[in-house]
Protein backbone atom coordinates (compact mmCIF):
# COMPACT_ATOMS: atom_id res chain seq x y z
CA VAL A 1 4.77 -10.05 -14.83
CA MET A 2 3.86 -10.88 -18.43
CA GLY A 3 6.99 -12.82 -19.61
CA ASN A 4 7.46 -9.98 -21.99
CA SER A 5 11.85 -9.99 -21.70
CA SER A 6 12.06 -8.29 -24.84
CA GLU A 7 9.99 -4.87 -23.79
CA PHE A 8 11.46 -5.24 -20.14
CA GLN A 9 14.85 -4.98 -21.53
CA LYS A 10 14.40 -2.67 -23.76
CA ALA A 11 13.04 -0.19 -21.13
CA VAL A 12 15.51 -1.26 -18.86
CA LYS A 13 18.24 -0.10 -21.56
CA LEU A 14 16.36 2.94 -22.13
CA VAL A 15 16.52 3.75 -18.28
CA ILE A 16 19.96 3.37 -18.28
CA ASP A 17 20.82 5.54 -21.20
CA THR A 18 18.47 8.55 -20.86
CA VAL A 19 17.45 9.11 -17.15
CA SER A 20 18.95 11.29 -14.81
CA PHE A 21 18.22 12.42 -11.63
CA ASP A 22 20.35 15.36 -11.51
CA LYS A 23 17.60 18.01 -12.63
CA ASP A 24 16.35 21.77 -10.57
CA SER A 25 13.26 19.79 -9.85
CA THR A 26 11.07 19.31 -6.97
CA VAL A 27 9.78 16.19 -6.32
CA GLN A 28 7.44 14.64 -3.35
CA VAL A 29 9.60 12.21 -0.93
CA PHE A 30 7.07 9.93 -1.03
CA GLU A 31 5.67 9.98 -4.59
CA ALA A 32 9.59 9.26 -5.41
CA THR A 33 10.03 6.74 -3.31
CA ILE A 34 7.32 4.58 -4.16
CA ARG A 35 7.53 5.04 -7.50
CA VAL A 36 10.64 5.43 -8.95
CA LEU A 37 12.88 4.02 -6.32
CA GLY A 38 10.48 1.23 -5.42
CA SER A 39 10.60 0.31 -9.41
CA LEU A 40 14.79 0.76 -10.14
CA LEU A 41 14.74 -1.82 -7.15
CA SER A 42 12.37 -4.22 -8.52
CA ALA A 43 13.54 -4.31 -11.97
CA HIS A 44 17.54 -4.83 -10.47
CA ILE A 45 16.12 -7.36 -8.02
CA ILE A 46 14.08 -8.89 -11.55
CA ILE A 47 17.54 -8.75 -13.36
CA THR A 48 19.85 -10.28 -10.84
CA ASP A 49 17.69 -13.14 -9.93
CA THR A 50 19.65 -16.41 -10.34
CA LYS A 51 16.65 -18.39 -10.97
CA GLN A 52 14.55 -15.82 -13.68
CA PRO A 53 11.43 -17.54 -13.03
CA PHE A 54 9.33 -14.79 -15.10
CA GLY A 55 11.62 -15.38 -18.68
CA ASP A 56 15.07 -14.49 -19.37
CA MET A 57 14.84 -10.40 -18.28
CA THR A 58 18.78 -10.66 -17.52
CA ILE A 59 20.56 -7.63 -19.27
CA LYS A 60 23.73 -8.24 -21.16
CA ASP A 61 26.88 -6.63 -19.23
CA TYR A 62 24.35 -5.48 -16.74
CA ASP A 63 26.47 -3.81 -14.33
CA ASN A 64 24.08 -2.70 -11.21
CA GLU A 65 23.24 0.09 -13.45
CA LEU A 66 19.86 0.55 -11.51
CA LEU A 67 20.82 -0.47 -7.62
CA HIS A 68 23.33 2.97 -8.92
CA MET A 69 20.27 5.05 -9.78
CA ALA A 70 18.43 4.31 -6.92
CA HIS A 71 21.25 4.87 -4.69
CA ASP A 72 21.68 8.11 -6.61
CA LEU A 73 18.09 8.94 -6.27
CA ALA A 74 17.83 8.20 -2.92
CA VAL A 75 20.93 10.13 -1.51
CA ARG A 76 18.77 13.06 -3.16
CA LEU A 77 16.27 12.40 -1.21
CA LEU A 78 18.19 12.02 2.19
CA PRO A 79 18.03 16.29 3.03
CA ALA A 80 14.57 15.77 3.75
CA PHE A 81 15.33 13.67 6.68
CA GLU A 82 18.00 16.67 7.77
CA ASN A 83 16.88 19.83 10.25
CA THR A 84 13.98 17.90 11.72
CA LYS A 85 13.07 18.00 15.04
CA THR A 86 11.43 15.38 15.10
CA GLY A 87 13.17 13.09 12.39
CA ILE A 88 9.67 12.83 10.59
CA PRO A 89 11.06 14.12 6.87
CA TYR A 90 9.96 17.55 4.73
CA PRO A 91 7.23 16.03 2.28
CA ARG A 92 9.28 17.51 -0.73
CA VAL A 93 13.19 18.01 -1.87
CA ASN A 94 14.78 19.49 -4.58
CA LEU A 95 16.78 16.78 -6.47
CA LYS A 96 19.42 19.17 -6.57
CA THR A 97 19.31 22.19 -3.85
CA GLY A 98 17.97 20.10 -1.25
CA VAL A 99 15.21 21.21 0.84
CA PRO A 100 13.68 24.34 -0.76
CA PRO A 101 13.72 27.28 1.41
CA ASP A 102 9.73 27.89 1.61
CA SER A 103 9.54 24.22 2.52
CA ASN A 104 6.01 23.20 4.49
CA ASN A 105 6.80 21.92 7.99
CA GLU A 106 3.71 19.61 7.71
CA THR A 107 3.43 16.17 5.99
CA CYS A 108 0.78 13.63 5.67
CA THR A 109 0.95 9.77 8.16
CA ALA A 110 1.10 8.31 4.95
CA GLY A 111 4.04 10.15 3.54
CA ALA A 112 6.24 10.22 6.37
CA GLY A 113 5.93 6.50 7.17
CA SER A 114 5.53 4.86 4.65
CA LEU A 115 9.56 4.49 2.96
CA LEU A 116 10.96 2.00 4.96
CA VAL A 117 10.43 -1.05 2.48
CA GLU A 118 12.48 0.92 -0.33
CA PHE A 119 14.79 2.68 1.84
CA GLY A 120 15.10 -0.96 3.49
CA ILE A 121 15.65 -3.00 0.58
CA LEU A 122 17.99 -0.18 -0.84
CA SER A 123 20.28 -0.12 2.55
CA ARG A 124 20.55 -4.06 2.48
CA LEU A 125 21.54 -4.54 -1.07
CA LEU A 126 24.00 -1.39 -0.37
CA GLY A 127 25.26 -2.97 2.92
CA ASP A 128 24.71 0.77 4.09
CA SER A 129 22.48 1.51 7.26
CA THR A 130 21.78 4.98 6.41
CA PHE A 131 18.64 4.82 4.44
CA GLU A 132 16.51 2.06 6.22
CA TRP A 133 17.86 4.12 9.47
CA VAL A 134 16.35 7.06 8.20
CA ALA A 135 12.97 5.81 7.41
CA ARG A 136 12.95 3.64 10.40
CA ARG A 137 13.31 6.87 12.56
CA ALA A 138 10.33 8.34 10.60
CA VAL A 139 7.98 5.60 11.73
CA LYS A 140 9.43 5.63 15.30
CA ALA A 141 8.68 9.36 15.33
CA LEU A 142 4.95 9.00 14.09
CA TRP A 143 4.38 5.97 16.31
CA SER A 144 5.51 7.81 19.39
CA LEU A 145 2.63 10.56 18.78
CA ARG A 146 -0.03 8.39 18.77
CA SER A 147 -2.69 8.91 21.48
CA ASN A 148 -2.10 7.39 24.64
CA ASN A 149 -6.10 7.19 25.02
CA THR A 150 -7.06 5.59 21.65
CA GLY A 151 -3.61 4.28 19.91
CA LEU A 152 -4.77 5.95 17.16
CA LEU A 153 -2.54 8.23 14.60
CA GLY A 154 -3.77 11.41 12.88
CA ASN A 155 -3.22 12.29 9.39
CA VAL A 156 -0.99 15.47 9.07
CA VAL A 157 1.46 16.16 11.66
CA ASN A 158 4.44 19.07 11.97
CA ILE A 159 7.32 17.28 11.82
CA GLN A 160 9.42 20.26 13.42
CA THR A 161 7.09 20.43 16.89
CA GLY A 162 5.42 16.88 16.69
CA HIS A 163 1.74 18.72 16.80
CA TRP A 164 -0.87 16.74 15.15
CA VAL A 165 -2.50 19.53 12.77
CA GLY A 166 -4.54 16.69 11.56
CA ARG A 167 -6.61 14.91 13.85
CA GLN A 168 -8.40 12.68 11.78
CA SER A 169 -7.91 8.71 12.02
CA GLY A 170 -9.02 6.92 9.23
CA LEU A 171 -7.61 4.04 6.74
CA GLY A 172 -7.62 6.37 3.84
CA ALA A 173 -5.90 9.30 2.52
CA GLY A 174 -2.76 10.30 4.62
CA SER A 175 -2.91 7.06 6.71
CA ASP A 176 -3.11 4.18 4.34
CA SER A 177 0.10 2.92 3.57
CA PHE A 178 1.51 3.51 6.97
CA TYR A 179 -0.46 0.42 8.22
CA GLU A 180 0.34 -1.35 5.14
CA TYR A 181 4.18 -0.93 5.71
CA LEU A 182 4.53 -1.54 8.99
CA LEU A 183 3.14 -5.40 8.47
CA LYS A 184 4.98 -5.48 4.73
CA SER A 185 8.50 -4.38 6.48
CA TYR A 186 7.76 -7.35 9.09
CA ILE A 187 7.05 -9.85 6.12
CA LEU A 188 10.14 -8.69 4.09
CA PHE A 189 12.45 -7.57 7.02
CA GLY A 190 11.47 -9.99 9.81
CA GLU A 191 12.15 -7.15 12.45
CA LYS A 192 9.89 -7.94 15.56
CA GLU A 193 8.92 -4.28 16.34
CA ASP A 194 7.41 -3.73 12.96
CA LEU A 195 4.43 -6.77 14.23
CA GLU A 196 4.16 -5.56 17.41
CA MET A 197 3.42 -1.73 15.97
CA PHE A 198 1.06 -3.32 13.49
CA SER A 199 -0.57 -5.48 15.82
CA ASP A 200 -1.17 -2.62 18.10
CA ALA A 201 -2.36 -0.24 15.37
CA TYR A 202 -4.54 -3.13 14.10
CA ARG A 203 -6.13 -3.55 17.66
CA SER A 204 -7.02 0.25 17.66
CA ILE A 205 -8.42 0.44 14.51
CA GLN A 206 -11.10 -2.27 15.03
CA ASN A 207 -11.52 -0.88 18.73
CA HIS A 208 -12.35 2.50 16.95
CA LEU A 209 -12.92 2.64 13.42
CA ARG A 210 -15.11 -0.16 13.00
CA ARG A 211 -18.60 0.03 12.93
CA GLY A 212 -21.49 -2.05 12.13
CA ARG A 213 -22.36 -5.91 13.13
CA GLU A 214 -19.74 -7.67 14.48
CA ALA A 215 -19.99 -10.50 11.95
CA CYS A 216 -20.06 -10.28 8.22
CA ASN A 217 -23.00 -12.32 7.06
CA GLU A 218 -24.94 -12.99 10.32
CA GLY A 219 -26.34 -10.43 13.26
CA GLU A 220 -28.61 -7.55 13.15
CA GLY A 221 -27.27 -4.16 12.25
CA ASP A 222 -25.38 -2.32 9.23
CA PRO A 223 -22.86 -4.47 7.75
CA PRO A 224 -18.86 -3.60 8.57
CA LEU A 225 -17.17 -0.21 7.64
CA TYR A 226 -14.34 1.43 8.66
CA VAL A 227 -14.70 5.68 9.87
CA ASN A 228 -13.11 8.42 10.10
CA VAL A 229 -12.59 9.81 13.76
CA ASN A 230 -10.88 11.85 16.01
CA MET A 231 -7.69 10.09 17.22
CA PHE A 232 -7.38 11.14 20.79
CA THR A 233 -11.14 10.55 21.48
CA GLY A 234 -12.44 8.21 18.82
CA GLN A 235 -15.46 10.13 18.09
CA LEU A 236 -16.83 10.48 14.42
CA MET A 237 -15.08 13.35 12.79
CA ASN A 238 -17.48 12.87 9.01
CA THR A 239 -19.54 10.22 7.12
CA TRP A 240 -17.45 9.86 4.33
CA ILE A 241 -14.73 7.39 3.24
CA ASP A 242 -12.38 7.60 0.19
CA SER A 243 -11.42 5.18 -2.26
CA LEU A 244 -7.89 4.92 -1.25
CA GLN A 245 -9.38 2.88 1.69
CA ALA A 246 -10.40 0.16 -0.67
CA PHE A 247 -6.76 -1.70 -0.03
CA PHE A 248 -7.77 -2.18 3.41
CA PRO A 249 -9.19 -5.54 2.60
CA GLY A 250 -6.34 -6.79 1.11
CA LEU A 251 -4.28 -5.95 3.75
CA GLN A 252 -6.76 -7.92 6.05
CA VAL A 253 -6.48 -10.97 3.64
CA LEU A 254 -2.60 -11.03 4.48
CA ILE A 255 -3.31 -11.03 8.35
CA GLY A 256 -5.50 -14.08 7.78
CA ASP A 257 -8.25 -11.66 8.34
CA VAL A 258 -10.27 -12.91 5.08
CA GLU A 259 -14.30 -13.10 6.87
CA ASP A 260 -13.67 -9.01 7.76
CA ALA A 261 -11.93 -8.81 4.45
CA ILE A 262 -14.90 -10.12 2.33
CA CYS A 263 -17.36 -8.07 4.00
CA LEU A 264 -15.23 -5.10 3.43
CA HIS A 265 -14.73 -5.60 -0.17
CA ALA A 266 -18.32 -6.26 -0.71
CA PHE A 267 -18.99 -2.68 0.77
CA TYR A 268 -16.46 -1.04 -1.89
CA TYR A 269 -17.49 -3.29 -4.50
CA ALA A 270 -21.55 -2.25 -4.49
CA ILE A 271 -20.16 1.34 -4.46
CA TRP A 272 -18.54 0.89 -7.91
CA LYS A 273 -21.98 -1.43 -9.12
CA ARG A 274 -23.41 1.75 -8.99
CA TYR A 275 -21.48 3.98 -10.62
CA GLY A 276 -19.02 2.09 -12.56
CA ALA A 277 -16.29 3.56 -10.97
CA LEU A 278 -15.13 4.50 -7.15
CA PRO A 279 -15.88 8.07 -6.59
CA GLU A 280 -12.76 9.74 -4.64
CA ARG A 281 -15.04 10.28 -1.70
CA TYR A 282 -18.01 8.80 -1.15
CA ASN A 283 -20.48 9.69 1.96
CA TRP A 284 -22.10 6.87 3.28
CA GLN A 285 -24.62 9.10 4.98
CA LEU A 286 -26.04 11.14 1.80
CA GLN A 287 -25.46 7.99 -0.30
CA ALA A 288 -23.56 10.40 -2.52
CA PRO A 289 -20.30 11.20 -3.94
CA ASP A 290 -18.90 13.86 -2.19
CA VAL A 291 -15.59 14.10 -4.47
CA SER A 292 -17.12 12.58 -7.74
CA PHE A 293 -13.67 11.72 -9.70
CA TYR A 294 -11.96 8.64 -10.72
CA PRO A 295 -8.17 8.88 -11.18
CA LEU A 296 -8.05 4.98 -12.33
CA ARG A 297 -7.32 3.51 -8.86
CA PRO A 298 -6.09 -0.04 -8.04
CA GLU A 299 -7.34 -0.28 -4.55
CA LEU A 300 -10.25 -2.26 -5.14
CA VAL A 301 -8.56 -4.47 -7.84
CA GLU A 302 -5.37 -5.11 -5.36
CA SER A 303 -8.33 -6.58 -2.78
CA THR A 304 -10.06 -8.29 -5.54
CA TYR A 305 -6.88 -10.25 -6.41
CA LEU A 306 -5.81 -10.96 -3.03
CA LEU A 307 -8.93 -12.31 -2.03
CA TYR A 308 -9.05 -14.59 -4.83
CA GLN A 309 -5.75 -15.81 -4.10
CA ALA A 310 -7.38 -16.51 -0.37
CA THR A 311 -10.32 -18.07 -1.08
CA LYS A 312 -10.11 -19.13 -4.95
CA ASN A 313 -13.85 -18.11 -4.98
CA PRO A 314 -14.84 -17.20 -8.46
CA PHE A 315 -17.01 -14.78 -7.62
CA TYR A 316 -14.08 -12.50 -7.57
CA LEU A 317 -12.80 -13.27 -11.17
CA HIS A 318 -16.58 -11.83 -11.60
CA VAL A 319 -15.66 -8.65 -9.55
CA GLY A 320 -12.64 -8.31 -11.88
CA MET A 321 -14.31 -9.09 -14.95
CA ASP A 322 -16.74 -6.58 -14.02
CA ILE A 323 -14.10 -3.75 -12.97
CA LEU A 324 -12.34 -4.64 -16.43
CA GLN A 325 -15.64 -3.95 -18.46
CA SER A 326 -16.23 -0.86 -16.25
CA LEU A 327 -12.50 0.21 -17.63
CA GLU A 328 -13.22 -0.36 -21.07
CA LYS A 329 -16.42 0.83 -21.18
CA TYR A 330 -15.80 4.37 -19.43
CA THR A 331 -12.41 5.34 -19.21
CA LYS A 332 -10.84 4.13 -22.38
CA ALA A 333 -9.41 6.83 -24.62
CA LYS A 334 -7.69 7.00 -28.11
CA CYS A 335 -3.76 6.99 -26.59
CA GLY A 336 -4.66 5.06 -23.03
CA TYR A 337 -7.27 5.19 -20.23
CA ALA A 338 -8.50 8.33 -18.78
CA THR A 339 -9.39 9.84 -15.18
CA LEU A 340 -12.84 10.16 -14.93
CA HIS A 341 -13.71 13.67 -13.97
CA HIS A 342 -17.19 12.45 -12.69
CA VAL A 343 -18.71 8.95 -12.01
CA VAL A 344 -21.80 9.79 -12.56
CA GLU A 345 -21.70 12.09 -15.73
CA LYS A 346 -18.53 9.56 -17.09
CA THR A 347 -16.92 13.19 -18.34
CA LYS A 348 -12.70 12.48 -18.80
CA GLU A 349 -9.40 14.35 -17.66
CA ASP A 350 -6.23 14.25 -19.92
CA ARG A 351 -4.53 12.27 -17.09
CA MET A 352 -3.35 8.66 -16.70
CA GLU A 353 -1.37 7.95 -13.51
CA SER A 354 1.66 5.93 -13.62
CA PHE A 355 -0.20 3.65 -11.06
CA PHE A 356 -2.65 2.54 -13.27
CA LEU A 357 -0.15 0.64 -15.57
CA SER A 358 2.00 -0.65 -12.25
CA GLU A 359 -1.02 -1.66 -10.04
CA THR A 360 -4.39 -1.50 -11.63
CA CYS A 361 -3.60 -3.08 -14.81
CA LYS A 362 -1.07 -5.78 -13.01
CA TYR A 363 -3.77 -6.78 -10.43
CA LEU A 364 -6.11 -7.33 -13.23
CA TYR A 365 -3.89 -9.62 -15.15
CA LEU A 366 -3.04 -11.27 -12.69
CA LEU A 367 -6.17 -12.19 -11.07
CA PHE A 368 -7.07 -13.82 -14.70
CA ASP A 369 -3.60 -15.70 -15.14
CA GLU A 370 -3.68 -18.66 -12.86
CA GLU A 371 -0.55 -19.58 -14.33
CA ASN A 372 1.74 -16.87 -13.13
CA PRO A 373 4.70 -17.59 -12.18
CA LEU A 374 4.17 -15.23 -8.92
CA HIS A 375 1.57 -17.76 -8.12
CA LYS A 376 3.64 -20.79 -8.42
CA SER A 377 6.88 -19.51 -6.21
CA GLY A 378 5.12 -20.29 -3.32
CA ASN A 379 4.53 -16.65 -1.66
CA LYS A 380 8.31 -15.63 -2.33
CA TYR A 381 7.21 -12.26 -3.58
CA MET A 382 5.59 -9.35 -1.98
CA PHE A 383 3.88 -6.40 -3.66
CA THR A 384 4.94 -3.03 -2.31
CA THR A 385 2.37 -0.13 -1.94
CA GLU A 386 3.20 0.69 -5.70
CA GLY A 387 2.79 -2.59 -6.85
CA HIS A 388 6.50 -3.28 -7.61
CA ILE A 389 7.23 -6.83 -6.78
CA VAL A 390 10.55 -7.80 -4.33
CA SER A 391 11.54 -11.43 -3.32
CA VAL A 392 11.30 -12.34 -0.04
CA ASP A 393 14.56 -13.74 0.95
CA GLU A 394 17.09 -14.19 3.54
CA ARG A 395 19.66 -11.41 1.81
CA PHE A 396 16.88 -8.88 3.11
CA ARG A 397 16.76 -10.28 6.96
CA ASN A 398 20.50 -9.88 7.54
CA SER A 399 19.81 -6.45 10.05
CA LEU A 400 22.19 -3.35 9.45
CA TRP A 401 20.09 -0.67 11.14
CA GLN A 402 20.41 -1.80 15.01
CA ASP A 403 24.15 -1.32 14.80
CA ILE A 404 23.81 2.31 14.24
CA LEU A 405 21.05 3.24 16.63
CA PRO A 406 21.83 4.69 19.99
CA GLY A 407 20.37 3.47 23.25
CA GLU A 408 19.28 0.61 21.94
CA GLU A 409 21.85 -2.16 21.93
CA ASP A 410 19.92 -4.31 24.39
CA SER A 411 16.38 -4.42 22.57
CA ALA A 412 18.44 -5.22 19.56
CA GLU A 413 19.80 -8.19 20.61
CA LYS A 414 16.75 -10.04 21.71
CA MET A 415 15.18 -9.26 18.31
CA LYS A 416 15.50 -12.59 15.88
CA PRO A 417 14.75 -11.08 12.28
CA SER A 418 13.72 -14.90 11.58
CA GLU A 419 11.72 -15.47 14.33
CA LEU A 420 7.69 -15.55 14.01
CA LYS A 421 5.30 -15.17 16.07
CA ALA A 422 1.35 -15.46 16.43
CA VAL A 423 -0.12 -11.61 17.38
CA ASN A 424 -3.33 -12.33 19.00
CA PHE A 425 -5.41 -10.38 17.07
CA SER A 426 -9.28 -10.86 17.83
CA SER A 427 -10.14 -13.02 14.29
CA ASN A 428 -6.59 -15.03 14.87
CA CYS A 429 -4.46 -13.22 12.45
CA ASN A 430 -2.35 -16.00 11.03
CA ARG A 431 -5.17 -18.31 10.48
CA VAL A 432 -4.62 -20.35 7.32
CA PRO A 433 -7.91 -20.02 5.62
CA ASP A 434 -9.56 -22.87 4.53
CA GLU A 435 -10.62 -22.44 1.06
CA ARG A 436 -13.77 -24.83 1.04
CA ARG A 437 -15.26 -22.08 3.16
CA TYR A 438 -15.50 -19.28 0.83
CA LEU A 439 -16.21 -21.48 -1.91
CA LEU A 440 -20.06 -21.90 -0.37
CA PRO A 441 -21.61 -18.57 -0.19
CA LEU A 442 -21.04 -17.62 -3.74
CA LYS A 443 -24.30 -17.51 -4.87
CA SER A 444 -25.89 -17.20 -1.21
CA ASN A 445 -25.03 -15.00 1.32
CA TYR A 446 -22.37 -12.75 -0.62
CA MET A 447 -24.33 -12.07 -3.71
CA ARG A 448 -27.28 -11.65 -1.56
CA GLN A 449 -24.86 -9.12 0.61
CA ILE A 450 -24.07 -7.13 -2.75
CA ASP A 451 -27.64 -6.99 -3.77
CA ARG A 452 -28.39 -5.33 -0.12
CA MET A 453 -25.53 -3.08 -0.60
CA VAL A 454 -26.60 -1.69 -3.90
CA GLY A 455 -29.97 -1.38 -2.73
CA LEU A 456 -28.71 0.72 0.25
CA ILE A 457 -26.41 2.96 -1.57
């Protein structure tokens, strides 16, 4: 992304020469997929791109080593999908021996249902439907377990019984990337059913999770907020939101629901303004953090970046600068940037998660780099949930998985991966936002709303 080809090439060679997955190590299937598998696939796509938009990122004598490594890792993750009565994978697997004997039968919705982008890319690059099929089967299994009453999913499920152990439905931890990947899978692969699932999920979210006034800057009542509810009844379960939920305005930008994204983003930014960071959990009723650490998460930065791309409102450059200055002031350490142990006291932990580099820093960099090749590609790239870039092109729209899903031949024939139909979201999700509409409120409505929210919290 920075165009630094020499360091990219050095890193790729280092991985090829030194990394092996043949280790007696138990890993989280979700984290290994989005962090490791995703990065290998993204780098492979960049290396083999004939156009080389970021500069010369080719590797001399490259023989698809990163793709082979990705395949090797994915094969080692496959045992997680075996011996589960629902098809929902175990949360952890040993890279050498498979599922541990004492493995937990409970997993979160996001962990089990956010594997489709990486597994699907791998399947379509290899021409082997296995990986996409197991990931898609897990998504369908989770989807089949949603509430008939509300259309919502819980956050923790038993992979053997399909029983919801955690009945909380929200947009944060345990659920977030499930919704993100329903949409992004459609963007990448063009499978109609992914879009249908997402549109149904989005309607349920709007109907049962959204609280506050109907419009962003108009009307009476509190600013819009998405709360945590019981998946079966839609009743409020608690009065906190978590920092992972700050990804949702960015997802709303992707579907064209920009006005609601603006309003929700303002809420999280107001919390950042108060503490110089986002506490892991914030109790909106008590107006105080419930869980006080901040592990350098990227979600607010990601939404800021996407809102700026959609509106070109310079306000979001100010937001980015504010976040950047807070990171420099409160989290910078001798050898990197540290997790804040407490957002009020600003104490630090000796920990810097990999997503700080792959997402937080990347989105901040791209926010200010107007001339980046990504911004001149005509939306030819998509970010994975871990911030890895993958190209959106026709080779990922050649469907493989339909050939081996039993009993779905008829529906498969009806699907046309390249077909794009409008979905009737309440806010017209396919609208291309008129940038001029969002340039005007810079120093009026939006800033007043931020000031009001800072006062409220």
